[in-house]
């Protein structure tokens, strides 16, 4: 089904990150729903901290939403730190998070409308499963 030009295309992005040890191997997970199509994104993203893994999760989800043609996005996750960085409530002080923040913020700026929403961990179970599966995989490097 073609979407007429100019009509908003909404994406729901649920994100999470996982880390074996802190720091340790990281996994990024996201569940992205665009135009009724649900896609699970799961990738191993090297070594780092849990907060870095969370950022990789939101970045993966946002990239996927943009590639699917979304113009409006609602981002949900259980990482208050990442969400408060992205909404400007918290300053990004950690040097290791600054480039990830800038990348995520740059992706958000490409959407016409952005909503950021914190959810409880149990409401984010699918993204959590995707991130945990990625951190335990050996075959994906993100």
C-alpha atoms as a PDB file:
ATOM      1  CA  UNK A   1       0.000   0.000   0.000  1.00  0.00           C
ATOM      2  CA  UNK A   2       1.571   3.285  -1.086  1.00  0.00           C
ATOM      3  CA  UNK A   3       1.489   6.195   1.318  1.00  0.00           C
ATOM      4  CA  UNK A   4       0.604   9.486  -0.379  1.00  0.00           C
ATOM      5  CA  UNK A   5       3.395  12.065  -0.282  1.00  0.00           C
ATOM      6  CA  UNK A   6       3.131  14.368   2.678  1.00  0.00           C
ATOM      7  CA  UNK A   7       1.137  12.025   4.899  1.00  0.00           C
ATOM      8  CA  UNK A   8       2.866  11.316   8.209  1.00  0.00           C
ATOM      9  CA  UNK A   9       4.241   7.833   8.691  1.00  0.00           C
ATOM     10  CA  UNK A  10       4.466   6.942  12.372  1.00  0.00           C
ATOM     11  CA  UNK A  11       6.976   4.560  13.941  1.00  0.00           C
ATOM     12  CA  UNK A  12       6.978   3.121  17.429  1.00  0.00           C
ATOM     13  CA  UNK A  13      10.521   2.314  18.551  1.00  0.00           C
ATOM     14  CA  UNK A  14      11.128   0.286  21.702  1.00  0.00           C
ATOM     15  CA  UNK A  15      14.831   0.037  22.577  1.00  0.00           C
ATOM     16  CA  UNK A  16      17.132  -1.660  25.050  1.00  0.00           C
ATOM     17  CA  UNK A  17      20.761  -2.583  25.518  1.00  0.00           C
ATOM     18  CA  UNK A  18      22.482  -5.425  27.329  1.00  0.00           C
ATOM     19  CA  UNK A  19      26.004  -5.920  28.545  1.00  0.00           C
ATOM     20  CA  UNK A  20      27.801  -9.001  29.893  1.00  0.00           C
ATOM     21  CA  UNK A  21      29.834  -7.331  32.596  1.00  0.00           C
ATOM     22  CA  UNK A  22      30.126  -3.579  32.793  1.00  0.00           C
ATOM     23  CA  UNK A  23      32.136  -3.028  30.652  1.00  0.00           C
ATOM     24  CA  UNK A  24      31.825  -6.134  28.530  1.00  0.00           C
ATOM     25  CA  UNK A  25      30.331  -7.441  25.288  1.00  0.00           C
ATOM     26  CA  UNK A  26      27.291  -5.369  24.298  1.00  0.00           C
ATOM     27  CA  UNK A  27      24.048  -6.145  22.524  1.00  0.00           C
ATOM     28  CA  UNK A  28      21.543  -3.686  21.074  1.00  0.00           C
ATOM     29  CA  UNK A  29      17.881  -4.478  20.679  1.00  0.00           C
ATOM     30  CA  UNK A  30      14.910  -2.628  19.272  1.00  0.00           C
ATOM     31  CA  UNK A  31      11.373  -3.402  18.235  1.00  0.00           C
ATOM     32  CA  UNK A  32      10.177  -1.101  15.463  1.00  0.00           C
ATOM     33  CA  UNK A  33       6.573  -0.874  14.258  1.00  0.00           C
ATOM     34  CA  UNK A  34       5.932   1.140  11.088  1.00  0.00           C
ATOM     35  CA  UNK A  35       2.611   1.039   9.211  1.00  0.00           C
ATOM     36  CA  UNK A  36       1.566  -2.049  11.143  1.00  0.00           C
ATOM     37  CA  UNK A  37       4.739  -3.984  10.321  1.00  0.00           C
ATOM     38  CA  UNK A  38       6.739  -5.148  13.338  1.00  0.00           C
ATOM     39  CA  UNK A  39      10.474  -5.697  13.000  1.00  0.00           C
ATOM     40  CA  UNK A  40      12.889  -6.876  15.690  1.00  0.00           C
ATOM     41  CA  UNK A  41      16.406  -5.467  15.393  1.00  0.00           C
ATOM     42  CA  UNK A  42      19.110  -7.314  17.302  1.00  0.00           C
ATOM     43  CA  UNK A  43      22.862  -6.905  16.925  1.00  0.00           C
ATOM     44  CA  UNK A  44      26.059  -7.358  18.828  1.00  0.00           C
ATOM     45  CA  UNK A  45      27.934  -4.064  18.990  1.00  0.00           C
ATOM     46  CA  UNK A  46      31.363  -4.742  20.474  1.00  0.00           C
ATOM     47  CA  UNK A  47      32.527  -4.045  24.014  1.00  0.00           C
ATOM     48  CA  UNK A  48      31.500  -1.215  26.311  1.00  0.00           C
ATOM     49  CA  UNK A  49      29.222  -0.203  29.152  1.00  0.00           C
ATOM     50  CA  UNK A  50      25.547  -0.843  29.696  1.00  0.00           C
ATOM     51  CA  UNK A  51      24.745   2.814  28.969  1.00  0.00           C
ATOM     52  CA  UNK A  52      26.600   2.571  25.652  1.00  0.00           C
ATOM     53  CA  UNK A  53      24.591  -0.565  24.827  1.00  0.00           C
ATOM     54  CA  UNK A  54      21.349   1.339  25.539  1.00  0.00           C
ATOM     55  CA  UNK A  55      22.420   4.064  23.106  1.00  0.00           C
ATOM     56  CA  UNK A  56      23.231   1.475  20.446  1.00  0.00           C
ATOM     57  CA  UNK A  57      19.698   0.095  20.914  1.00  0.00           C
ATOM     58  CA  UNK A  58      17.997   3.438  20.338  1.00  0.00           C
ATOM     59  CA  UNK A  59      20.285   4.236  17.396  1.00  0.00           C
ATOM     60  CA  UNK A  60      19.507   0.883  15.730  1.00  0.00           C
ATOM     61  CA  UNK A  61      15.783   1.429  16.193  1.00  0.00           C
ATOM     62  CA  UNK A  62      15.867   4.984  14.848  1.00  0.00           C
ATOM     63  CA  UNK A  63      17.901   3.968  11.799  1.00  0.00           C
ATOM     64  CA  UNK A  64      15.416   1.225  11.035  1.00  0.00           C
ATOM     65  CA  UNK A  65      12.440   3.576  11.429  1.00  0.00           C
ATOM     66  CA  UNK A  66      14.003   6.113   9.062  1.00  0.00           C
ATOM     67  CA  UNK A  67      14.844   3.418   6.506  1.00  0.00           C
ATOM     68  CA  UNK A  68      11.197   2.322   6.627  1.00  0.00           C
ATOM     69  CA  UNK A  69      10.092   5.857   5.735  1.00  0.00           C
ATOM     70  CA  UNK A  70       8.858   7.041   9.123  1.00  0.00           C
ATOM     71  CA  UNK A  71       8.424  10.779   9.573  1.00  0.00           C
ATOM     72  CA  UNK A  72       7.042  10.706  13.134  1.00  0.00           C
ATOM     73  CA  UNK A  73       8.404   8.572  15.951  1.00  0.00           C
ATOM     74  CA  UNK A  74       7.566   7.579  19.501  1.00  0.00           C
ATOM     75  CA  UNK A  75      10.639   6.212  21.270  1.00  0.00           C
ATOM     76  CA  UNK A  76      10.102   4.067  24.351  1.00  0.00           C
ATOM     77  CA  UNK A  77      12.686   2.549  26.642  1.00  0.00           C
ATOM     78  CA  UNK A  78      13.482   1.796  30.261  1.00  0.00           C
ATOM     79  CA  UNK A  79      16.728   3.802  30.298  1.00  0.00           C
ATOM     80  CA  UNK A  80      15.937   7.069  32.050  1.00  0.00           C
ATOM     81  CA  UNK A  81      19.515   8.219  31.448  1.00  0.00           C
ATOM     82  CA  UNK A  82      19.327   7.890  27.651  1.00  0.00           C
ATOM     83  CA  UNK A  83      15.844   9.374  27.402  1.00  0.00           C
ATOM     84  CA  UNK A  84      16.703  12.322  29.659  1.00  0.00           C
ATOM     85  CA  UNK A  85      19.881  12.965  27.691  1.00  0.00           C
ATOM     86  CA  UNK A  86      17.867  12.967  24.470  1.00  0.00           C
ATOM     87  CA  UNK A  87      15.150  15.288  25.784  1.00  0.00           C
ATOM     88  CA  UNK A  88      17.708  17.693  27.221  1.00  0.00           C
ATOM     89  CA  UNK A  89      16.822  17.126  30.893  1.00  0.00           C
ATOM     90  CA  UNK A  90      20.289  15.736  31.669  1.00  0.00           C
ATOM     91  CA  UNK A  91      23.608  16.982  30.358  1.00  0.00           C
ATOM     92  CA  UNK A  92      25.817  14.361  28.713  1.00  0.00           C
ATOM     93  CA  UNK A  93      28.955  14.422  30.854  1.00  0.00           C
ATOM     94  CA  UNK A  94      30.480  11.018  30.092  1.00  0.00           C
ATOM     95  CA  UNK A  95      32.949  11.287  27.208  1.00  0.00           C
ATOM     96  CA  UNK A  96      32.177   7.740  26.026  1.00  0.00           C
ATOM     97  CA  UNK A  97      28.480   8.611  25.634  1.00  0.00           C
ATOM     98  CA  UNK A  98      28.890  11.955  23.844  1.00  0.00           C
ATOM     99  CA  UNK A  99      29.380  10.557  20.288  1.00  0.00           C
ATOM    100  CA  UNK A 100      26.494   8.121  20.762  1.00  0.00           C
ATOM    101  CA  UNK A 101      24.270  10.904  22.059  1.00  0.00           C
ATOM    102  CA  UNK A 102      25.188  13.096  19.079  1.00  0.00           C
ATOM    103  CA  UNK A 103      24.397  10.292  16.651  1.00  0.00           C
ATOM    104  CA  UNK A 104      21.042   9.539  18.298  1.00  0.00           C
ATOM    105  CA  UNK A 105      20.151  13.247  18.482  1.00  0.00           C
ATOM    106  CA  UNK A 106      21.062  13.647  14.796  1.00  0.00           C
ATOM    107  CA  UNK A 107      18.745  10.776  13.892  1.00  0.00           C
ATOM    108  CA  UNK A 108      15.909  12.232  15.978  1.00  0.00           C
ATOM    109  CA  UNK A 109      16.340  15.566  14.216  1.00  0.00           C
ATOM    110  CA  UNK A 110      15.454  13.873  10.919  1.00  0.00           C
ATOM    111  CA  UNK A 111      11.892  13.175  12.106  1.00  0.00           C
ATOM    112  CA  UNK A 112       9.133  15.787  11.857  1.00  0.00           C
ATOM    113  CA  UNK A 113       7.750  14.830  15.272  1.00  0.00           C
ATOM    114  CA  UNK A 114       9.411  13.011  18.179  1.00  0.00           C
ATOM    115  CA  UNK A 115       7.912  11.710  21.405  1.00  0.00           C
ATOM    116  CA  UNK A 116      10.180  10.196  24.079  1.00  0.00           C
ATOM    117  CA  UNK A 117       8.605   7.981  26.700  1.00  0.00           C
ATOM    118  CA  UNK A 118      10.060   6.100  29.651  1.00  0.00           C
ATOM    119  CA  UNK A 119       8.467   2.713  30.311  1.00  0.00           C
ATOM    120  CA  UNK A 120       8.917   0.199  33.098  1.00  0.00           C
ATOM    121  CA  UNK A 121      11.329  -2.648  32.432  1.00  0.00           C
ATOM    122  CA  UNK A 122       8.555  -5.235  32.239  1.00  0.00           C
ATOM    123  CA  UNK A 123       6.813  -3.210  29.501  1.00  0.00           C
ATOM    124  CA  UNK A 124      10.024  -3.326  27.444  1.00  0.00           C
ATOM    125  CA  UNK A 125      10.452  -7.109  27.469  1.00  0.00           C
ATOM    126  CA  UNK A 126      10.644  -7.644  23.693  1.00  0.00           C
ATOM    127  CA  UNK A 127      13.446  -5.099  23.200  1.00  0.00           C
ATOM    128  CA  UNK A 128      15.214  -6.534  26.251  1.00  0.00           C
ATOM    129  CA  UNK A 129      15.051 -10.055  24.777  1.00  0.00           C
ATOM    130  CA  UNK A 130      16.460  -8.769  21.488  1.00  0.00           C
ATOM    131  CA  UNK A 131      19.369  -7.032  23.251  1.00  0.00           C
ATOM    132  CA  UNK A 132      20.149 -10.077  25.407  1.00  0.00           C
ATOM    133  CA  UNK A 133      20.052 -12.393  22.390  1.00  0.00           C
ATOM    134  CA  UNK A 134      22.454 -10.077  20.558  1.00  0.00           C
ATOM    135  CA  UNK A 135      24.982  -9.885  23.391  1.00  0.00           C
ATOM    136  CA  UNK A 136      25.065 -13.673  23.564  1.00  0.00           C
ATOM    137  CA  UNK A 137      25.474 -14.147  19.803  1.00  0.00           C
ATOM    138  CA  UNK A 138      28.861 -14.704  18.224  1.00  0.00           C
ATOM    139  CA  UNK A 139      27.961 -14.014  14.612  1.00  0.00           C
ATOM    140  CA  UNK A 140      26.867 -10.358  14.564  1.00  0.00           C
ATOM    141  CA  UNK A 141      29.021  -7.288  15.009  1.00  0.00           C
ATOM    142  CA  UNK A 142      26.364  -4.626  14.322  1.00  0.00           C
END
